[in-house]
């Protein structure tokens, strides 16, 4: 597993923990209760399934979505839908993407509920020892639903998570904080042919027909620990964050070559994001670059790597 690599990445942020404390506890709370935030997000989802000796990678390609977020006090909701898809790989399908989120941000507490739905994937990596003709059997037309919640709590009272992510208050001095949290998510995969690399090889060597209308459920819960530093210059900020976690994933999926599987497997998580922006009295805007990865054991010696890279641009308007 890659938990050791993730821990090393987190250690790079440890000097900020020493340097990033501030003597100030000053904040400015914006008077507006209602905020509207249109946004554009471009992202790339990658689902890599590794078997004993081979792997397959599915991607919907580089997608772009527009959406609208509305916040009242500390509670917010947003909805987005894809408007374009850059097809990738050798088997190219049109992809659609929907995103819905609910959030609550206090000064030190953050709670997010998210729902994502991807329809249509492209096949970017394929076992090298299979003929091109076999790719017609293994179609990458996945239907992937992902929903869950994230909970984070900042240990340093001098850091405002609202100032970093929601902009409904302004932190006046730079400071950093250790953040602890819990990530829970549920992935449901629907596929018309097998998606596991070992089954692809078995079906090819035996001549069996791959199964149809298969599905898999993957429920993950992972405690997280990380660090965020909120660097402020006037009303501009840049706030790097990194966290790692180790937990478990419950799996329930159909497997043609090995039979149905139900059980628990180890799972690790890595989350890195870089928010930057301007926090004005009437207008606020910014960019959030984000990378989330969850790796879990699967089958006998395989793994599932679910990673999402995104870049979000937003412009917010306050109403008194």
C-alpha atoms as a PDB file:
ATOM      1  CA  UNK A   1       0.000   0.000   0.000  1.00  0.00           C
ATOM      2  CA  UNK A   2       1.065   3.602  -0.473  1.00  0.00           C
ATOM      3  CA  UNK A   3       0.434   4.744   3.125  1.00  0.00           C
ATOM      4  CA  UNK A   4       4.174   5.238   3.685  1.00  0.00           C
ATOM      5  CA  UNK A   5       4.455   7.471   0.622  1.00  0.00           C
ATOM      6  CA  UNK A   6       1.516   9.534   1.848  1.00  0.00           C
ATOM      7  CA  UNK A   7       3.041   9.947   5.299  1.00  0.00           C
ATOM      8  CA  UNK A   8       6.254  11.235   3.715  1.00  0.00           C
ATOM      9  CA  UNK A   9       4.236  13.797   1.738  1.00  0.00           C
ATOM     10  CA  UNK A  10       2.571  14.981   4.925  1.00  0.00           C
ATOM     11  CA  UNK A  11       5.934  15.398   6.666  1.00  0.00           C
ATOM     12  CA  UNK A  12       6.907  18.011   4.088  1.00  0.00           C
ATOM     13  CA  UNK A  13       4.285  20.245   5.674  1.00  0.00           C
ATOM     14  CA  UNK A  14       5.681  19.842   9.212  1.00  0.00           C
ATOM     15  CA  UNK A  15       7.928  22.941   9.052  1.00  0.00           C
ATOM     16  CA  UNK A  16       4.789  25.001   8.455  1.00  0.00           C
ATOM     17  CA  UNK A  17       3.414  23.669  11.717  1.00  0.00           C
ATOM     18  CA  UNK A  18       6.297  25.292  13.578  1.00  0.00           C
ATOM     19  CA  UNK A  19       6.421  28.472  11.517  1.00  0.00           C
ATOM     20  CA  UNK A  20       2.721  29.067  11.010  1.00  0.00           C
ATOM     21  CA  UNK A  21       1.442  30.023  14.449  1.00  0.00           C
ATOM     22  CA  UNK A  22       0.185  33.544  15.113  1.00  0.00           C
ATOM     23  CA  UNK A  23      -0.442  35.571  18.228  1.00  0.00           C
ATOM     24  CA  UNK A  24      -3.596  37.105  16.764  1.00  0.00           C
ATOM     25  CA  UNK A  25      -7.114  35.750  17.138  1.00  0.00           C
ATOM     26  CA  UNK A  26      -8.694  38.602  15.145  1.00  0.00           C
ATOM     27  CA  UNK A  27     -11.356  37.905  12.535  1.00  0.00           C
ATOM     28  CA  UNK A  28     -13.786  40.065  10.590  1.00  0.00           C
ATOM     29  CA  UNK A  29     -17.211  38.532  10.136  1.00  0.00           C
ATOM     30  CA  UNK A  30     -19.037  39.663   7.008  1.00  0.00           C
ATOM     31  CA  UNK A  31     -22.516  41.066   7.660  1.00  0.00           C
ATOM     32  CA  UNK A  32     -24.176  39.403   4.664  1.00  0.00           C
ATOM     33  CA  UNK A  33     -26.194  36.250   5.313  1.00  0.00           C
ATOM     34  CA  UNK A  34     -26.849  35.254   1.695  1.00  0.00           C
ATOM     35  CA  UNK A  35     -24.099  34.546  -0.844  1.00  0.00           C
ATOM     36  CA  UNK A  36     -24.304  33.299  -4.435  1.00  0.00           C
ATOM     37  CA  UNK A  37     -21.314  31.703  -6.126  1.00  0.00           C
ATOM     38  CA  UNK A  38     -21.282  30.592  -9.793  1.00  0.00           C
ATOM     39  CA  UNK A  39     -18.324  28.368 -10.643  1.00  0.00           C
ATOM     40  CA  UNK A  40     -16.544  26.366 -13.295  1.00  0.00           C
ATOM     41  CA  UNK A  41     -14.628  23.174 -12.510  1.00  0.00           C
ATOM     42  CA  UNK A  42     -12.419  21.042 -14.714  1.00  0.00           C
ATOM     43  CA  UNK A  43     -11.407  17.612 -13.459  1.00  0.00           C
ATOM     44  CA  UNK A  44     -10.109  14.180 -14.348  1.00  0.00           C
ATOM     45  CA  UNK A  45     -11.270  11.009 -12.606  1.00  0.00           C
ATOM     46  CA  UNK A  46      -9.107   7.894 -12.883  1.00  0.00           C
ATOM     47  CA  UNK A  47     -10.142   4.406 -11.756  1.00  0.00           C
ATOM     48  CA  UNK A  48      -7.244   1.948 -11.925  1.00  0.00           C
ATOM     49  CA  UNK A  49      -7.783  -1.733 -11.113  1.00  0.00           C
ATOM     50  CA  UNK A  50      -4.621  -3.746 -10.622  1.00  0.00           C
ATOM     51  CA  UNK A  51      -4.587  -7.538 -10.623  1.00  0.00           C
ATOM     52  CA  UNK A  52      -1.852 -10.042  -9.820  1.00  0.00           C
ATOM     53  CA  UNK A  53       0.191  -9.135 -12.879  1.00  0.00           C
ATOM     54  CA  UNK A  54      -1.716  -6.588 -14.946  1.00  0.00           C
ATOM     55  CA  UNK A  55      -3.901  -3.513 -14.646  1.00  0.00           C
ATOM     56  CA  UNK A  56      -6.684  -1.662 -16.394  1.00  0.00           C
ATOM     57  CA  UNK A  57      -7.382   2.086 -16.111  1.00  0.00           C
ATOM     58  CA  UNK A  58     -10.756   3.658 -16.809  1.00  0.00           C
ATOM     59  CA  UNK A  59     -11.226   7.408 -17.222  1.00  0.00           C
ATOM     60  CA  UNK A  60     -14.123   9.623 -18.278  1.00  0.00           C
ATOM     61  CA  UNK A  61     -11.508  11.939 -19.730  1.00  0.00           C
ATOM     62  CA  UNK A  62     -10.980  15.575 -18.868  1.00  0.00           C
ATOM     63  CA  UNK A  63     -14.418  16.958 -18.036  1.00  0.00           C
ATOM     64  CA  UNK A  64     -15.592  20.518 -17.510  1.00  0.00           C
ATOM     65  CA  UNK A  65     -18.683  21.492 -15.522  1.00  0.00           C
ATOM     66  CA  UNK A  66     -20.511  24.686 -14.616  1.00  0.00           C
ATOM     67  CA  UNK A  67     -22.512  25.115 -11.449  1.00  0.00           C
ATOM     68  CA  UNK A  68     -24.019  27.424  -8.893  1.00  0.00           C
ATOM     69  CA  UNK A  69     -23.533  27.531  -5.149  1.00  0.00           C
ATOM     70  CA  UNK A  70     -25.806  29.293  -2.640  1.00  0.00           C
ATOM     71  CA  UNK A  71     -24.911  29.874   1.015  1.00  0.00           C
ATOM     72  CA  UNK A  72     -27.051  31.149   3.877  1.00  0.00           C
ATOM     73  CA  UNK A  73     -25.034  31.921   6.989  1.00  0.00           C
ATOM     74  CA  UNK A  74     -22.835  28.837   7.491  1.00  0.00           C
ATOM     75  CA  UNK A  75     -24.836  26.389   5.358  1.00  0.00           C
ATOM     76  CA  UNK A  76     -24.295  26.020   1.621  1.00  0.00           C
ATOM     77  CA  UNK A  77     -25.477  23.947  -1.342  1.00  0.00           C
ATOM     78  CA  UNK A  78     -24.232  23.681  -4.913  1.00  0.00           C
ATOM     79  CA  UNK A  79     -25.096  21.838  -8.113  1.00  0.00           C
ATOM     80  CA  UNK A  80     -22.985  21.370 -11.241  1.00  0.00           C
ATOM     81  CA  UNK A  81     -23.232  19.563 -14.574  1.00  0.00           C
ATOM     82  CA  UNK A  82     -20.645  18.742 -17.217  1.00  0.00           C
ATOM     83  CA  UNK A  83     -20.610  20.811 -20.395  1.00  0.00           C
ATOM     84  CA  UNK A  84     -17.748  19.137 -22.250  1.00  0.00           C
ATOM     85  CA  UNK A  85     -15.672  15.963 -22.225  1.00  0.00           C
ATOM     86  CA  UNK A  86     -12.283  15.358 -23.808  1.00  0.00           C
ATOM     87  CA  UNK A  87     -12.425  11.707 -24.845  1.00  0.00           C
ATOM     88  CA  UNK A  88      -9.346   9.669 -24.008  1.00  0.00           C
ATOM     89  CA  UNK A  89      -7.883   6.232 -24.590  1.00  0.00           C
ATOM     90  CA  UNK A  90      -8.453   3.574 -27.201  1.00  0.00           C
ATOM     91  CA  UNK A  91     -12.121   2.911 -26.457  1.00  0.00           C
ATOM     92  CA  UNK A  92     -13.730   6.324 -26.329  1.00  0.00           C
ATOM     93  CA  UNK A  93     -17.190   6.975 -24.933  1.00  0.00           C
ATOM     94  CA  UNK A  94     -19.038  10.198 -24.302  1.00  0.00           C
ATOM     95  CA  UNK A  95     -19.106  11.067 -20.605  1.00  0.00           C
ATOM     96  CA  UNK A  96     -21.599  12.976 -18.501  1.00  0.00           C
ATOM     97  CA  UNK A  97     -21.030  14.229 -14.994  1.00  0.00           C
ATOM     98  CA  UNK A  98     -23.308  15.568 -12.241  1.00  0.00           C
ATOM     99  CA  UNK A  99     -22.290  16.981  -8.877  1.00  0.00           C
ATOM    100  CA  UNK A 100     -24.337  17.990  -5.825  1.00  0.00           C
ATOM    101  CA  UNK A 101     -22.912  19.167  -2.490  1.00  0.00           C
ATOM    102  CA  UNK A 102     -24.120  20.333   0.919  1.00  0.00           C
ATOM    103  CA  UNK A 103     -21.749  21.943   3.402  1.00  0.00           C
ATOM    104  CA  UNK A 104     -21.491  23.496   6.829  1.00  0.00           C
ATOM    105  CA  UNK A 105     -18.472  25.556   7.855  1.00  0.00           C
ATOM    106  CA  UNK A 106     -17.814  26.869  11.324  1.00  0.00           C
ATOM    107  CA  UNK A 107     -14.588  28.583  12.263  1.00  0.00           C
ATOM    108  CA  UNK A 108     -12.854  25.323  13.216  1.00  0.00           C
ATOM    109  CA  UNK A 109     -15.349  22.726  12.010  1.00  0.00           C
ATOM    110  CA  UNK A 110     -16.181  21.674   8.451  1.00  0.00           C
ATOM    111  CA  UNK A 111     -18.771  19.128   7.323  1.00  0.00           C
ATOM    112  CA  UNK A 112     -19.411  18.305   3.663  1.00  0.00           C
ATOM    113  CA  UNK A 113     -21.829  15.926   1.963  1.00  0.00           C
ATOM    114  CA  UNK A 114     -21.152  15.255  -1.711  1.00  0.00           C
ATOM    115  CA  UNK A 115     -22.807  13.297  -4.512  1.00  0.00           C
ATOM    116  CA  UNK A 116     -21.166  12.648  -7.890  1.00  0.00           C
ATOM    117  CA  UNK A 117     -22.419  10.682 -10.884  1.00  0.00           C
ATOM    118  CA  UNK A 118     -20.210   9.812 -13.863  1.00  0.00           C
ATOM    119  CA  UNK A 119     -21.744   8.142 -16.929  1.00  0.00           C
ATOM    120  CA  UNK A 120     -19.458   6.786 -19.650  1.00  0.00           C
ATOM    121  CA  UNK A 121     -15.734   5.997 -19.402  1.00  0.00           C
ATOM    122  CA  UNK A 122     -12.803   5.561 -21.763  1.00  0.00           C
ATOM    123  CA  UNK A 123     -10.258   2.772 -21.549  1.00  0.00           C
ATOM    124  CA  UNK A 124      -6.778   4.272 -21.213  1.00  0.00           C
ATOM    125  CA  UNK A 125      -4.697   1.274 -20.069  1.00  0.00           C
ATOM    126  CA  UNK A 126      -5.251  -2.333 -21.111  1.00  0.00           C
ATOM    127  CA  UNK A 127      -3.341  -5.595 -20.393  1.00  0.00           C
ATOM    128  CA  UNK A 128      -0.519  -5.616 -22.942  1.00  0.00           C
ATOM    129  CA  UNK A 129      -0.758  -9.365 -23.604  1.00  0.00           C
ATOM    130  CA  UNK A 130      -4.305  -9.203 -24.991  1.00  0.00           C
ATOM    131  CA  UNK A 131      -5.079  -8.770 -28.706  1.00  0.00           C
ATOM    132  CA  UNK A 132      -6.775  -5.614 -29.931  1.00  0.00           C
ATOM    133  CA  UNK A 133      -9.849  -7.613 -30.990  1.00  0.00           C
ATOM    134  CA  UNK A 134     -10.586  -8.553 -27.385  1.00  0.00           C
ATOM    135  CA  UNK A 135     -11.143  -4.927 -26.489  1.00  0.00           C
ATOM    136  CA  UNK A 136     -14.492  -5.143 -28.227  1.00  0.00           C
ATOM    137  CA  UNK A 137     -15.643  -7.556 -25.493  1.00  0.00           C
ATOM    138  CA  UNK A 138     -14.512  -5.486 -22.523  1.00  0.00           C
ATOM    139  CA  UNK A 139     -16.470  -2.268 -22.853  1.00  0.00           C
ATOM    140  CA  UNK A 140     -15.617   0.626 -20.542  1.00  0.00           C
ATOM    141  CA  UNK A 141     -19.197   1.930 -20.353  1.00  0.00           C
ATOM    142  CA  UNK A 142     -19.162   2.280 -16.582  1.00  0.00           C
ATOM    143  CA  UNK A 143     -21.796   4.020 -14.513  1.00  0.00           C
ATOM    144  CA  UNK A 144     -20.123   5.323 -11.348  1.00  0.00           C
ATOM    145  CA  UNK A 145     -21.947   6.898  -8.407  1.00  0.00           C
ATOM    146  CA  UNK A 146     -19.886   8.314  -5.535  1.00  0.00           C
ATOM    147  CA  UNK A 147     -21.333   9.911  -2.427  1.00  0.00           C
ATOM    148  CA  UNK A 148     -20.230  10.441   1.139  1.00  0.00           C
ATOM    149  CA  UNK A 149     -19.213  12.970   3.739  1.00  0.00           C
ATOM    150  CA  UNK A 150     -16.047  14.616   5.008  1.00  0.00           C
ATOM    151  CA  UNK A 151     -15.638  15.964   8.536  1.00  0.00           C
ATOM    152  CA  UNK A 152     -12.666  18.131   9.577  1.00  0.00           C
ATOM    153  CA  UNK A 153     -11.743  19.910  12.781  1.00  0.00           C
ATOM    154  CA  UNK A 154      -8.898  22.428  13.166  1.00  0.00           C
ATOM    155  CA  UNK A 155      -6.985  22.225  16.436  1.00  0.00           C
ATOM    156  CA  UNK A 156      -5.711  25.813  16.338  1.00  0.00           C
ATOM    157  CA  UNK A 157      -8.372  28.380  17.323  1.00  0.00           C
ATOM    158  CA  UNK A 158      -6.438  31.082  15.420  1.00  0.00           C
ATOM    159  CA  UNK A 159      -7.309  29.554  12.028  1.00  0.00           C
ATOM    160  CA  UNK A 160     -10.712  30.037  10.381  1.00  0.00           C
ATOM    161  CA  UNK A 161     -11.821  27.362   7.921  1.00  0.00           C
ATOM    162  CA  UNK A 162     -14.656  29.708   6.907  1.00  0.00           C
ATOM    163  CA  UNK A 163     -12.074  32.246   5.786  1.00  0.00           C
ATOM    164  CA  UNK A 164     -10.297  29.641   3.645  1.00  0.00           C
ATOM    165  CA  UNK A 165     -13.198  27.881   1.947  1.00  0.00           C
ATOM    166  CA  UNK A 166     -16.408  29.924   2.347  1.00  0.00           C
ATOM    167  CA  UNK A 167     -15.169  33.517   2.605  1.00  0.00           C
ATOM    168  CA  UNK A 168     -17.998  34.514   4.968  1.00  0.00           C
ATOM    169  CA  UNK A 169     -15.418  35.835   7.384  1.00  0.00           C
ATOM    170  CA  UNK A 170     -11.905  37.218   7.024  1.00  0.00           C
ATOM    171  CA  UNK A 171      -8.935  36.029   9.080  1.00  0.00           C
ATOM    172  CA  UNK A 172      -6.537  38.928   9.635  1.00  0.00           C
ATOM    173  CA  UNK A 173      -3.219  37.214  10.408  1.00  0.00           C
ATOM    174  CA  UNK A 174      -1.488  34.193   8.916  1.00  0.00           C
ATOM    175  CA  UNK A 175      -1.603  30.998  10.959  1.00  0.00           C
ATOM    176  CA  UNK A 176      -1.509  27.232  10.578  1.00  0.00           C
ATOM    177  CA  UNK A 177      -3.304  24.328  12.183  1.00  0.00           C
ATOM    178  CA  UNK A 178      -3.240  20.563  12.496  1.00  0.00           C
ATOM    179  CA  UNK A 179      -6.528  19.170  11.173  1.00  0.00           C
ATOM    180  CA  UNK A 180      -8.115  15.865  12.155  1.00  0.00           C
ATOM    181  CA  UNK A 181     -11.104  14.384  10.437  1.00  0.00           C
ATOM    182  CA  UNK A 182     -13.048  11.481   9.040  1.00  0.00           C
ATOM    183  CA  UNK A 183     -13.699  10.604   5.406  1.00  0.00           C
ATOM    184  CA  UNK A 184     -16.560   8.324   4.445  1.00  0.00           C
ATOM    185  CA  UNK A 185     -17.589   7.533   0.912  1.00  0.00           C
ATOM    186  CA  UNK A 186     -19.609   4.970  -1.001  1.00  0.00           C
ATOM    187  CA  UNK A 187     -18.815   4.040  -4.607  1.00  0.00           C
ATOM    188  CA  UNK A 188     -21.286   2.086  -6.703  1.00  0.00           C
ATOM    189  CA  UNK A 189     -20.024   0.731 -10.017  1.00  0.00           C
ATOM    190  CA  UNK A 190     -22.295  -0.670 -12.718  1.00  0.00           C
ATOM    191  CA  UNK A 191     -20.728  -2.323 -15.767  1.00  0.00           C
ATOM    192  CA  UNK A 192     -21.939  -4.480 -18.644  1.00  0.00           C
ATOM    193  CA  UNK A 193     -18.771  -6.589 -18.750  1.00  0.00           C
ATOM    194  CA  UNK A 194     -16.039  -7.524 -16.308  1.00  0.00           C
ATOM    195  CA  UNK A 195     -13.728  -4.713 -15.212  1.00  0.00           C
ATOM    196  CA  UNK A 196     -11.181  -6.731 -13.200  1.00  0.00           C
ATOM    197  CA  UNK A 197      -7.890  -7.372 -15.039  1.00  0.00           C
ATOM    198  CA  UNK A 198      -7.466 -10.948 -13.804  1.00  0.00           C
ATOM    199  CA  UNK A 199     -10.915 -11.857 -15.118  1.00  0.00           C
ATOM    200  CA  UNK A 200     -10.091 -10.318 -18.484  1.00  0.00           C
ATOM    201  CA  UNK A 201      -7.050 -12.593 -18.725  1.00  0.00           C
ATOM    202  CA  UNK A 202      -9.016 -15.654 -17.576  1.00  0.00           C
ATOM    203  CA  UNK A 203     -11.797 -15.047 -20.083  1.00  0.00           C
ATOM    204  CA  UNK A 204      -9.247 -14.605 -22.863  1.00  0.00           C
ATOM    205  CA  UNK A 205      -7.297 -17.780 -22.108  1.00  0.00           C
ATOM    206  CA  UNK A 206     -10.370 -19.975 -21.501  1.00  0.00           C
ATOM    207  CA  UNK A 207     -12.576 -18.548 -24.194  1.00  0.00           C
ATOM    208  CA  UNK A 208     -15.431 -17.937 -21.749  1.00  0.00           C
ATOM    209  CA  UNK A 209     -17.879 -15.105 -22.337  1.00  0.00           C
ATOM    210  CA  UNK A 210     -17.624 -12.269 -19.915  1.00  0.00           C
ATOM    211  CA  UNK A 211     -20.572 -11.635 -17.614  1.00  0.00           C
ATOM    212  CA  UNK A 212     -23.173  -8.948 -18.137  1.00  0.00           C
ATOM    213  CA  UNK A 213     -24.928  -6.439 -15.900  1.00  0.00           C
ATOM    214  CA  UNK A 214     -22.404  -6.669 -13.082  1.00  0.00           C
ATOM    215  CA  UNK A 215     -22.051  -4.214 -10.246  1.00  0.00           C
ATOM    216  CA  UNK A 216     -19.900  -3.512  -7.226  1.00  0.00           C
ATOM    217  CA  UNK A 217     -20.348  -1.598  -3.969  1.00  0.00           C
ATOM    218  CA  UNK A 218     -17.374  -0.128  -2.090  1.00  0.00           C
ATOM    219  CA  UNK A 219     -17.953   1.545   1.290  1.00  0.00           C
ATOM    220  CA  UNK A 220     -14.911   3.292   2.790  1.00  0.00           C
ATOM    221  CA  UNK A 221     -14.335   4.932   6.160  1.00  0.00           C
ATOM    222  CA  UNK A 222     -10.926   6.465   6.916  1.00  0.00           C
ATOM    223  CA  UNK A 223      -9.724   8.655   9.822  1.00  0.00           C
ATOM    224  CA  UNK A 224      -7.616  11.544   8.482  1.00  0.00           C
ATOM    225  CA  UNK A 225      -4.883  13.770   9.895  1.00  0.00           C
ATOM    226  CA  UNK A 226      -3.275  16.690   8.118  1.00  0.00           C
ATOM    227  CA  UNK A 227      -2.094  20.261   8.223  1.00  0.00           C
ATOM    228  CA  UNK A 228      -3.226  23.555   6.675  1.00  0.00           C
ATOM    229  CA  UNK A 229      -1.491  26.900   6.624  1.00  0.00           C
ATOM    230  CA  UNK A 230      -3.501  30.063   5.901  1.00  0.00           C
ATOM    231  CA  UNK A 231      -1.068  32.645   4.484  1.00  0.00           C
ATOM    232  CA  UNK A 232      -2.718  36.081   4.250  1.00  0.00           C
ATOM    233  CA  UNK A 233      -1.647  39.333   2.603  1.00  0.00           C
ATOM    234  CA  UNK A 234      -4.305  42.025   2.931  1.00  0.00           C
ATOM    235  CA  UNK A 235      -7.414  40.288   1.573  1.00  0.00           C
ATOM    236  CA  UNK A 236      -5.535  37.791  -0.577  1.00  0.00           C
ATOM    237  CA  UNK A 237      -4.636  34.332   0.661  1.00  0.00           C
ATOM    238  CA  UNK A 238      -2.981  31.060  -0.298  1.00  0.00           C
ATOM    239  CA  UNK A 239      -3.706  28.102   1.989  1.00  0.00           C
ATOM    240  CA  UNK A 240      -1.962  24.775   1.213  1.00  0.00           C
ATOM    241  CA  UNK A 241      -3.431  21.654   2.841  1.00  0.00           C
ATOM    242  CA  UNK A 242      -2.393  17.992   2.933  1.00  0.00           C
ATOM    243  CA  UNK A 243      -3.815  15.035   4.855  1.00  0.00           C
ATOM    244  CA  UNK A 244      -3.391  11.266   4.915  1.00  0.00           C
ATOM    245  CA  UNK A 245      -5.521   8.506   6.363  1.00  0.00           C
ATOM    246  CA  UNK A 246      -5.695   4.786   6.970  1.00  0.00           C
ATOM    247  CA  UNK A 247      -8.903   2.781   7.366  1.00  0.00           C
ATOM    248  CA  UNK A 248     -11.076   0.058   5.903  1.00  0.00           C
ATOM    249  CA  UNK A 249     -13.296  -0.560   2.898  1.00  0.00           C
ATOM    250  CA  UNK A 250     -16.255  -2.937   2.793  1.00  0.00           C
ATOM    251  CA  UNK A 251     -16.610  -4.505  -0.653  1.00  0.00           C
ATOM    252  CA  UNK A 252     -19.528  -6.302  -2.258  1.00  0.00           C
ATOM    253  CA  UNK A 253     -19.021  -7.056  -5.945  1.00  0.00           C
ATOM    254  CA  UNK A 254     -19.700  -9.660  -8.614  1.00  0.00           C
ATOM    255  CA  UNK A 255     -16.707 -11.550  -9.941  1.00  0.00           C
ATOM    256  CA  UNK A 256     -17.086 -13.972 -12.853  1.00  0.00           C
ATOM    257  CA  UNK A 257     -13.842 -15.857 -12.296  1.00  0.00           C
ATOM    258  CA  UNK A 258     -13.794 -15.865  -8.476  1.00  0.00           C
ATOM    259  CA  UNK A 259     -17.449 -15.693  -7.521  1.00  0.00           C
ATOM    260  CA  UNK A 260     -19.141 -12.912  -5.587  1.00  0.00           C
ATOM    261  CA  UNK A 261     -17.114 -11.290  -2.838  1.00  0.00           C
ATOM    262  CA  UNK A 262     -18.216  -9.666   0.418  1.00  0.00           C
ATOM    263  CA  UNK A 263     -15.706  -8.538   3.010  1.00  0.00           C
ATOM    264  CA  UNK A 264     -13.347  -5.886   4.351  1.00  0.00           C
ATOM    265  CA  UNK A 265     -10.065  -4.709   2.885  1.00  0.00           C
ATOM    266  CA  UNK A 266      -7.455  -2.128   3.927  1.00  0.00           C
ATOM    267  CA  UNK A 267      -7.696   1.365   2.472  1.00  0.00           C
ATOM    268  CA  UNK A 268      -5.510   4.472   2.495  1.00  0.00           C
ATOM    269  CA  UNK A 269      -6.325   8.038   1.505  1.00  0.00           C
ATOM    270  CA  UNK A 270      -4.411  11.114   0.416  1.00  0.00           C
ATOM    271  CA  UNK A 271      -5.940  14.588   0.134  1.00  0.00           C
ATOM    272  CA  UNK A 272      -4.055  17.663  -1.096  1.00  0.00           C
ATOM    273  CA  UNK A 273      -5.561  21.007  -2.000  1.00  0.00           C
ATOM    274  CA  UNK A 274      -4.406  24.544  -2.659  1.00  0.00           C
ATOM    275  CA  UNK A 275      -7.038  27.277  -2.187  1.00  0.00           C
ATOM    276  CA  UNK A 276      -6.118  30.819  -3.186  1.00  0.00           C
ATOM    277  CA  UNK A 277      -8.262  33.886  -3.688  1.00  0.00           C
ATOM    278  CA  UNK A 278      -9.505  37.326  -2.704  1.00  0.00           C
ATOM    279  CA  UNK A 279     -11.950  37.924   0.161  1.00  0.00           C
ATOM    280  CA  UNK A 280     -13.689  41.266  -0.445  1.00  0.00           C
ATOM    281  CA  UNK A 281     -16.636  42.918   1.264  1.00  0.00           C
ATOM    282  CA  UNK A 282     -19.067  42.526  -1.654  1.00  0.00           C
ATOM    283  CA  UNK A 283     -17.218  40.269  -4.082  1.00  0.00           C
ATOM    284  CA  UNK A 284     -14.908  37.329  -3.538  1.00  0.00           C
ATOM    285  CA  UNK A 285     -13.202  35.040  -6.006  1.00  0.00           C
ATOM    286  CA  UNK A 286     -10.629  32.307  -6.121  1.00  0.00           C
ATOM    287  CA  UNK A 287      -9.252  29.022  -7.380  1.00  0.00           C
ATOM    288  CA  UNK A 288      -9.057  25.686  -5.563  1.00  0.00           C
ATOM    289  CA  UNK A 289      -6.745  22.994  -6.912  1.00  0.00           C
ATOM    290  CA  UNK A 290      -7.487  19.626  -5.361  1.00  0.00           C
ATOM    291  CA  UNK A 291      -6.279  16.024  -5.515  1.00  0.00           C
ATOM    292  CA  UNK A 292      -8.000  13.153  -3.692  1.00  0.00           C
ATOM    293  CA  UNK A 293      -6.890   9.535  -3.852  1.00  0.00           C
ATOM    294  CA  UNK A 294      -8.182   6.371  -2.192  1.00  0.00           C
ATOM    295  CA  UNK A 295      -6.376   3.048  -2.633  1.00  0.00           C
ATOM    296  CA  UNK A 296      -7.845  -0.213  -1.356  1.00  0.00           C
ATOM    297  CA  UNK A 297      -6.925  -3.885  -1.581  1.00  0.00           C
ATOM    298  CA  UNK A 298      -9.141  -5.912  -3.888  1.00  0.00           C
ATOM    299  CA  UNK A 299      -9.327  -9.543  -5.025  1.00  0.00           C
ATOM    300  CA  UNK A 300      -6.388 -11.741  -3.947  1.00  0.00           C
ATOM    301  CA  UNK A 301      -3.406  -9.445  -4.475  1.00  0.00           C
ATOM    302  CA  UNK A 302      -4.895  -6.606  -6.464  1.00  0.00           C
ATOM    303  CA  UNK A 303      -5.879  -3.035  -5.671  1.00  0.00           C
ATOM    304  CA  UNK A 304      -8.325  -0.322  -6.688  1.00  0.00           C
ATOM    305  CA  UNK A 305      -6.967   3.210  -7.082  1.00  0.00           C
ATOM    306  CA  UNK A 306      -9.646   5.929  -7.218  1.00  0.00           C
ATOM    307  CA  UNK A 307      -8.172   9.377  -7.824  1.00  0.00           C
ATOM    308  CA  UNK A 308      -9.769  12.718  -8.688  1.00  0.00           C
ATOM    309  CA  UNK A 309      -7.832  15.791  -9.807  1.00  0.00           C
ATOM    310  CA  UNK A 310      -9.802  19.039 -10.103  1.00  0.00           C
ATOM    311  CA  UNK A 311      -9.402  22.774 -10.562  1.00  0.00           C
ATOM    312  CA  UNK A 312     -12.295  25.013  -9.529  1.00  0.00           C
ATOM    313  CA  UNK A 313     -12.774  28.698 -10.427  1.00  0.00           C
ATOM    314  CA  UNK A 314     -15.457  30.704  -8.631  1.00  0.00           C
ATOM    315  CA  UNK A 315     -16.844  34.230  -8.228  1.00  0.00           C
ATOM    316  CA  UNK A 316     -19.011  35.057  -5.222  1.00  0.00           C
ATOM    317  CA  UNK A 317     -21.484  37.862  -4.572  1.00  0.00           C
ATOM    318  CA  UNK A 318     -22.741  38.887  -1.118  1.00  0.00           C
ATOM    319  CA  UNK A 319     -26.260  40.134  -0.369  1.00  0.00           C
ATOM    320  CA  UNK A 320     -26.999  41.987   2.872  1.00  0.00           C
END
